[in-house]
Amino acid sequence: MHSAIREITIKPVAQLIAGLVLLLAAAQPASAQQERLKSTHDDWLVKCGQPPGASEEICWVEQKVTSEDRPNVGLTVIFRPAKKDEEGTLQIQAPLGVMLPRGLGLKIDDKDVGNVPFLRCLKSGCLAHAQVPDDLLNQFKAGGTAIFIVFDTPEAGIGIPIALKGFSAALDGVK
């Protein structure tokens, strides 16, 4: 593994399961979950929906991007803000065929932040999930570009830039 990348730790199993429920719900077809667009902030969307079996609606911030030089490689980045004493949740759906052991690398403004392990793959892609502590959230808010790195071979990573402009405003739109 690249020595500059540290693993972003995942919090207790209950939080992990809650995050997976959101990811799986977001991956469901529109007929299974009514999803609505609440607002748009630059490239970030604020969406809300009620996952099957949930008692209330949840909202999240989302951006979908495709690699400029590889149109078949795209990501969906979802951030669910913190509630009460919890940390926010970062969830990424990457395409099938990525190298799972390397995880998903993350840089913000060319600074290595860490990596997020992949948890499982579905028909729609492979899912990575991590809790976002306040210091990382502040880097997202203050940053210009986040680069998510997927690996298609053990040696070659594909960096997919995500514009962070509008991220803070989108978070404010979730409340």
C-alpha atoms as a PDB file:
ATOM      1  CA  MET A   1       0.000   0.000   0.000  1.00  0.00           C
ATOM      2  CA  HIS A   2       1.027   3.566  -0.580  1.00  0.00           C
ATOM      3  CA  SER A   3       2.666   4.696   2.636  1.00  0.00           C
ATOM      4  CA  ALA A   4       1.157   8.193   2.579  1.00  0.00           C
ATOM      5  CA  ILE A   5      -2.382   6.856   2.719  1.00  0.00           C
ATOM      6  CA  ARG A   6      -3.748   5.893   6.102  1.00  0.00           C
ATOM      7  CA  GLU A   7      -6.949   4.002   6.635  1.00  0.00           C
ATOM      8  CA  ILE A   8      -9.985   6.000   7.675  1.00  0.00           C
ATOM      9  CA  THR A   9     -11.385   4.124  10.639  1.00  0.00           C
ATOM     10  CA  ILE A  10     -14.936   2.927  10.707  1.00  0.00           C
ATOM     11  CA  LYS A  11     -16.948   3.446  13.863  1.00  0.00           C
ATOM     12  CA  PRO A  12     -18.943   0.782  15.720  1.00  0.00           C
ATOM     13  CA  VAL A  13     -20.978  -1.809  13.875  1.00  0.00           C
ATOM     14  CA  ALA A  14     -24.334  -0.101  14.567  1.00  0.00           C
ATOM     15  CA  GLN A  15     -23.185   3.050  12.747  1.00  0.00           C
ATOM     16  CA  LEU A  16     -21.790   0.944   9.925  1.00  0.00           C
ATOM     17  CA  ILE A  17     -25.087  -0.871   9.519  1.00  0.00           C
ATOM     18  CA  ALA A  18     -27.001   2.429   9.535  1.00  0.00           C
ATOM     19  CA  GLY A  19     -24.719   3.715   6.783  1.00  0.00           C
ATOM     20  CA  LEU A  20     -25.166   0.562   4.732  1.00  0.00           C
ATOM     21  CA  VAL A  21     -28.934   0.868   5.030  1.00  0.00           C
ATOM     22  CA  LEU A  22     -28.691   4.379   3.556  1.00  0.00           C
ATOM     23  CA  LEU A  23     -26.392   3.172   0.778  1.00  0.00           C
ATOM     24  CA  LEU A  24     -28.568   0.222  -0.088  1.00  0.00           C
ATOM     25  CA  ALA A  25     -31.646   2.421  -0.025  1.00  0.00           C
ATOM     26  CA  ALA A  26     -29.957   4.967  -2.295  1.00  0.00           C
ATOM     27  CA  ALA A  27     -29.053   2.150  -4.694  1.00  0.00           C
ATOM     28  CA  GLN A  28     -32.675   0.949  -4.907  1.00  0.00           C
ATOM     29  CA  PRO A  29     -34.672   1.699  -8.043  1.00  0.00           C
ATOM     30  CA  ALA A  30     -36.910   4.769  -7.929  1.00  0.00           C
ATOM     31  CA  SER A  31     -39.965   2.550  -7.578  1.00  0.00           C
ATOM     32  CA  ALA A  32     -38.628   1.155  -4.282  1.00  0.00           C
ATOM     33  CA  GLN A  33     -37.741   4.553  -2.814  1.00  0.00           C
ATOM     34  CA  GLN A  34     -39.262   7.900  -3.626  1.00  0.00           C
ATOM     35  CA  GLU A  35     -36.331  10.264  -3.860  1.00  0.00           C
ATOM     36  CA  ARG A  36     -36.774  13.980  -4.352  1.00  0.00           C
ATOM     37  CA  LEU A  37     -34.384  16.758  -5.252  1.00  0.00           C
ATOM     38  CA  LYS A  38     -34.578  19.429  -2.574  1.00  0.00           C
ATOM     39  CA  SER A  39     -31.974  21.896  -3.899  1.00  0.00           C
ATOM     40  CA  THR A  40     -28.847  22.322  -6.025  1.00  0.00           C
ATOM     41  CA  HIS A  41     -25.612  24.036  -4.953  1.00  0.00           C
ATOM     42  CA  ASP A  42     -23.083  24.131  -7.809  1.00  0.00           C
ATOM     43  CA  ASP A  43     -22.333  20.440  -8.513  1.00  0.00           C
ATOM     44  CA  TRP A  44     -23.854  19.245  -5.238  1.00  0.00           C
ATOM     45  CA  LEU A  45     -27.447  18.091  -4.916  1.00  0.00           C
ATOM     46  CA  VAL A  46     -29.478  17.908  -1.734  1.00  0.00           C
ATOM     47  CA  LYS A  47     -31.783  14.903  -1.968  1.00  0.00           C
ATOM     48  CA  CYS A  48     -34.299  13.454   0.439  1.00  0.00           C
ATOM     49  CA  GLY A  49     -36.103  10.152   0.590  1.00  0.00           C
ATOM     50  CA  GLN A  50     -37.618   7.607   2.909  1.00  0.00           C
ATOM     51  CA  PRO A  51     -35.819   4.257   2.735  1.00  0.00           C
ATOM     52  CA  PRO A  52     -38.048   1.179   2.825  1.00  0.00           C
ATOM     53  CA  GLY A  53     -38.887   0.374   6.443  1.00  0.00           C
ATOM     54  CA  ALA A  54     -37.687   3.745   7.778  1.00  0.00           C
ATOM     55  CA  SER A  55     -40.033   5.760   9.963  1.00  0.00           C
ATOM     56  CA  GLU A  56     -38.885   9.144   8.671  1.00  0.00           C
ATOM     57  CA  GLU A  57     -37.388  10.847   5.660  1.00  0.00           C
ATOM     58  CA  ILE A  58     -33.628  11.363   5.499  1.00  0.00           C
ATOM     59  CA  CYS A  59     -31.690  13.918   3.465  1.00  0.00           C
ATOM     60  CA  TRP A  60     -28.175  13.800   2.073  1.00  0.00           C
ATOM     61  CA  VAL A  61     -25.734  15.669  -0.146  1.00  0.00           C
ATOM     62  CA  GLU A  62     -24.767  13.964  -3.413  1.00  0.00           C
ATOM     63  CA  GLN A  63     -22.540  14.443  -6.434  1.00  0.00           C
ATOM     64  CA  LYS A  64     -22.054  12.099  -9.392  1.00  0.00           C
ATOM     65  CA  VAL A  65     -18.961  12.379 -11.575  1.00  0.00           C
ATOM     66  CA  THR A  66     -17.222  10.510 -14.361  1.00  0.00           C
ATOM     67  CA  SER A  67     -13.497  10.367 -15.054  1.00  0.00           C
ATOM     68  CA  GLU A  68     -12.607  12.761 -17.893  1.00  0.00           C
ATOM     69  CA  ASP A  69     -10.284  10.291 -19.608  1.00  0.00           C
ATOM     70  CA  ARG A  70     -12.284   7.127 -18.788  1.00  0.00           C
ATOM     71  CA  PRO A  71     -15.998   7.702 -19.301  1.00  0.00           C
ATOM     72  CA  ASN A  72     -16.805   4.199 -18.024  1.00  0.00           C
ATOM     73  CA  VAL A  73     -15.350   5.040 -14.584  1.00  0.00           C
ATOM     74  CA  GLY A  74     -17.679   7.120 -12.438  1.00  0.00           C
ATOM     75  CA  LEU A  75     -18.448   7.678  -8.781  1.00  0.00           C
ATOM     76  CA  THR A  76     -21.439   8.655  -6.727  1.00  0.00           C
ATOM     77  CA  VAL A  77     -20.394  10.482  -3.554  1.00  0.00           C
ATOM     78  CA  ILE A  78     -22.981  10.783  -0.794  1.00  0.00           C
ATOM     79  CA  PHE A  79     -22.495  12.671   2.454  1.00  0.00           C
ATOM     80  CA  ARG A  80     -25.032  12.348   5.228  1.00  0.00           C
ATOM     81  CA  PRO A  81     -24.552  15.074   7.860  1.00  0.00           C
ATOM     82  CA  ALA A  82     -24.163  14.269  11.534  1.00  0.00           C
ATOM     83  CA  LYS A  83     -27.143  14.079  13.838  1.00  0.00           C
ATOM     84  CA  LYS A  84     -26.802  14.785  17.544  1.00  0.00           C
ATOM     85  CA  ASP A  85     -23.584  13.196  18.839  1.00  0.00           C
ATOM     86  CA  GLU A  86     -22.794  11.223  15.670  1.00  0.00           C
ATOM     87  CA  GLU A  87     -20.268  11.992  12.974  1.00  0.00           C
ATOM     88  CA  GLY A  88     -21.320  12.504   9.388  1.00  0.00           C
ATOM     89  CA  THR A  89     -21.145   9.580   6.971  1.00  0.00           C
ATOM     90  CA  LEU A  90     -19.296   9.478   3.645  1.00  0.00           C
ATOM     91  CA  GLN A  91     -20.493   6.841   1.189  1.00  0.00           C
ATOM     92  CA  ILE A  92     -19.060   6.230  -2.259  1.00  0.00           C
ATOM     93  CA  GLN A  93     -20.275   3.970  -5.030  1.00  0.00           C
ATOM     94  CA  ALA A  94     -17.490   3.021  -7.444  1.00  0.00           C
ATOM     95  CA  PRO A  95     -17.795   0.954 -10.622  1.00  0.00           C
ATOM     96  CA  LEU A  96     -17.477  -2.815 -10.665  1.00  0.00           C
ATOM     97  CA  GLY A  97     -13.996  -4.096 -11.522  1.00  0.00           C
ATOM     98  CA  VAL A  98     -12.001  -1.940  -9.100  1.00  0.00           C
ATOM     99  CA  MET A  99      -9.269  -3.534  -6.962  1.00  0.00           C
ATOM    100  CA  LEU A 100     -10.993  -4.024  -3.620  1.00  0.00           C
ATOM    101  CA  PRO A 101      -7.952  -4.560  -1.333  1.00  0.00           C
ATOM    102  CA  ARG A 102      -6.546  -1.088  -2.063  1.00  0.00           C
ATOM    103  CA  GLY A 103      -9.761   0.607  -1.004  1.00  0.00           C
ATOM    104  CA  LEU A 104     -10.649   4.055  -2.253  1.00  0.00           C
ATOM    105  CA  GLY A 105      -7.950   6.702  -1.839  1.00  0.00           C
ATOM    106  CA  LEU A 106      -8.845  10.277  -0.922  1.00  0.00           C
ATOM    107  CA  LYS A 107      -6.951  13.539  -1.372  1.00  0.00           C
ATOM    108  CA  ILE A 108      -8.257  17.010  -0.662  1.00  0.00           C
ATOM    109  CA  ASP A 109      -6.406  19.796  -2.458  1.00  0.00           C
ATOM    110  CA  ASP A 110      -3.523  17.387  -3.227  1.00  0.00           C
ATOM    111  CA  LYS A 111      -3.097  16.393   0.436  1.00  0.00           C
ATOM    112  CA  ASP A 112      -3.430  12.671   1.212  1.00  0.00           C
ATOM    113  CA  VAL A 113      -6.300  12.197   3.629  1.00  0.00           C
ATOM    114  CA  GLY A 114      -6.534   8.419   3.789  1.00  0.00           C
ATOM    115  CA  ASN A 115      -8.426   5.583   2.242  1.00  0.00           C
ATOM    116  CA  VAL A 116     -11.859   4.108   2.666  1.00  0.00           C
ATOM    117  CA  PRO A 117     -12.272   0.327   2.513  1.00  0.00           C
ATOM    118  CA  PHE A 118     -14.804  -1.218   0.171  1.00  0.00           C
ATOM    119  CA  LEU A 119     -17.519  -3.081   2.049  1.00  0.00           C
ATOM    120  CA  ARG A 120     -19.425  -4.891  -0.661  1.00  0.00           C
ATOM    121  CA  CYS A 121     -20.297  -4.917  -4.327  1.00  0.00           C
ATOM    122  CA  LEU A 122     -23.801  -4.885  -5.773  1.00  0.00           C
ATOM    123  CA  LYS A 123     -25.005  -4.991  -9.373  1.00  0.00           C
ATOM    124  CA  SER A 124     -24.716  -1.203  -9.511  1.00  0.00           C
ATOM    125  CA  GLY A 125     -21.134  -0.975  -8.167  1.00  0.00           C
ATOM    126  CA  CYS A 126     -18.845  -1.359  -5.157  1.00  0.00           C
ATOM    127  CA  LEU A 127     -19.605   0.528  -1.961  1.00  0.00           C
ATOM    128  CA  ALA A 128     -17.170   2.247   0.404  1.00  0.00           C
ATOM    129  CA  HIS A 129     -18.224   3.829   3.698  1.00  0.00           C
ATOM    130  CA  ALA A 130     -16.571   5.864   6.457  1.00  0.00           C
ATOM    131  CA  GLN A 131     -17.505   8.117   9.343  1.00  0.00           C
ATOM    132  CA  VAL A 132     -16.355  11.717   8.860  1.00  0.00           C
ATOM    133  CA  PRO A 133     -14.858  13.367  11.946  1.00  0.00           C
ATOM    134  CA  ASP A 134     -15.077  17.160  12.281  1.00  0.00           C
ATOM    135  CA  ASP A 135     -11.503  17.760  11.059  1.00  0.00           C
ATOM    136  CA  LEU A 136     -12.184  15.899   7.808  1.00  0.00           C
ATOM    137  CA  LEU A 137     -15.545  17.625   7.397  1.00  0.00           C
ATOM    138  CA  ASN A 138     -13.782  20.980   7.756  1.00  0.00           C
ATOM    139  CA  GLN A 139     -11.301  19.951   5.031  1.00  0.00           C
ATOM    140  CA  PHE A 140     -14.222  19.192   2.706  1.00  0.00           C
ATOM    141  CA  LYS A 141     -15.846  22.554   3.535  1.00  0.00           C
ATOM    142  CA  ALA A 142     -12.646  24.576   3.021  1.00  0.00           C
ATOM    143  CA  GLY A 143     -11.262  22.584   0.088  1.00  0.00           C
ATOM    144  CA  GLY A 144     -11.458  23.242  -3.615  1.00  0.00           C
ATOM    145  CA  THR A 145     -11.183  19.706  -4.990  1.00  0.00           C
ATOM    146  CA  ALA A 146     -11.376  16.208  -3.536  1.00  0.00           C
ATOM    147  CA  ILE A 147      -9.795  13.442  -5.573  1.00  0.00           C
ATOM    148  CA  PHE A 148     -11.113   9.946  -5.059  1.00  0.00           C
ATOM    149  CA  ILE A 149      -8.709   7.285  -6.300  1.00  0.00           C
ATOM    150  CA  VAL A 150      -9.859   3.872  -7.490  1.00  0.00           C
ATOM    151  CA  PHE A 151      -7.377   1.221  -8.547  1.00  0.00           C
ATOM    152  CA  ASP A 152      -7.896  -0.915 -11.635  1.00  0.00           C
ATOM    153  CA  THR A 153      -4.529  -2.647 -11.112  1.00  0.00           C
ATOM    154  CA  PRO A 154      -2.435  -2.888  -7.927  1.00  0.00           C
ATOM    155  CA  GLU A 155      -0.054  -0.234  -9.295  1.00  0.00           C
ATOM    156  CA  ALA A 156      -2.353   2.129 -11.208  1.00  0.00           C
ATOM    157  CA  GLY A 157      -4.859   4.426  -9.574  1.00  0.00           C
ATOM    158  CA  ILE A 158      -7.451   6.493 -11.403  1.00  0.00           C
ATOM    159  CA  GLY A 159      -8.002   9.876  -9.760  1.00  0.00           C
ATOM    160  CA  ILE A 160     -11.526  11.223 -10.105  1.00  0.00           C
ATOM    161  CA  PRO A 161     -11.859  14.870  -9.060  1.00  0.00           C
ATOM    162  CA  ILE A 162     -14.932  16.077  -7.202  1.00  0.00           C
ATOM    163  CA  ALA A 163     -15.531  19.838  -6.999  1.00  0.00           C
ATOM    164  CA  LEU A 164     -16.097  20.945  -3.423  1.00  0.00           C
ATOM    165  CA  LYS A 165     -17.552  24.329  -4.383  1.00  0.00           C
ATOM    166  CA  GLY A 166     -21.085  24.426  -3.030  1.00  0.00           C
ATOM    167  CA  PHE A 167     -20.506  21.618  -0.520  1.00  0.00           C
ATOM    168  CA  SER A 168     -20.997  23.848   2.560  1.00  0.00           C
ATOM    169  CA  ALA A 169     -24.122  25.445   1.104  1.00  0.00           C
ATOM    170  CA  ALA A 170     -25.500  22.004   0.246  1.00  0.00           C
ATOM    171  CA  LEU A 171     -24.917  20.856   3.838  1.00  0.00           C
ATOM    172  CA  ASP A 172     -26.808  23.906   5.070  1.00  0.00           C
ATOM    173  CA  GLY A 173     -29.621  22.885   2.690  1.00  0.00           C
ATOM    174  CA  VAL A 174     -29.999  19.517   4.415  1.00  0.00           C
ATOM    175  CA  LYS A 175     -31.079  21.116   7.695  1.00  0.00           C
END
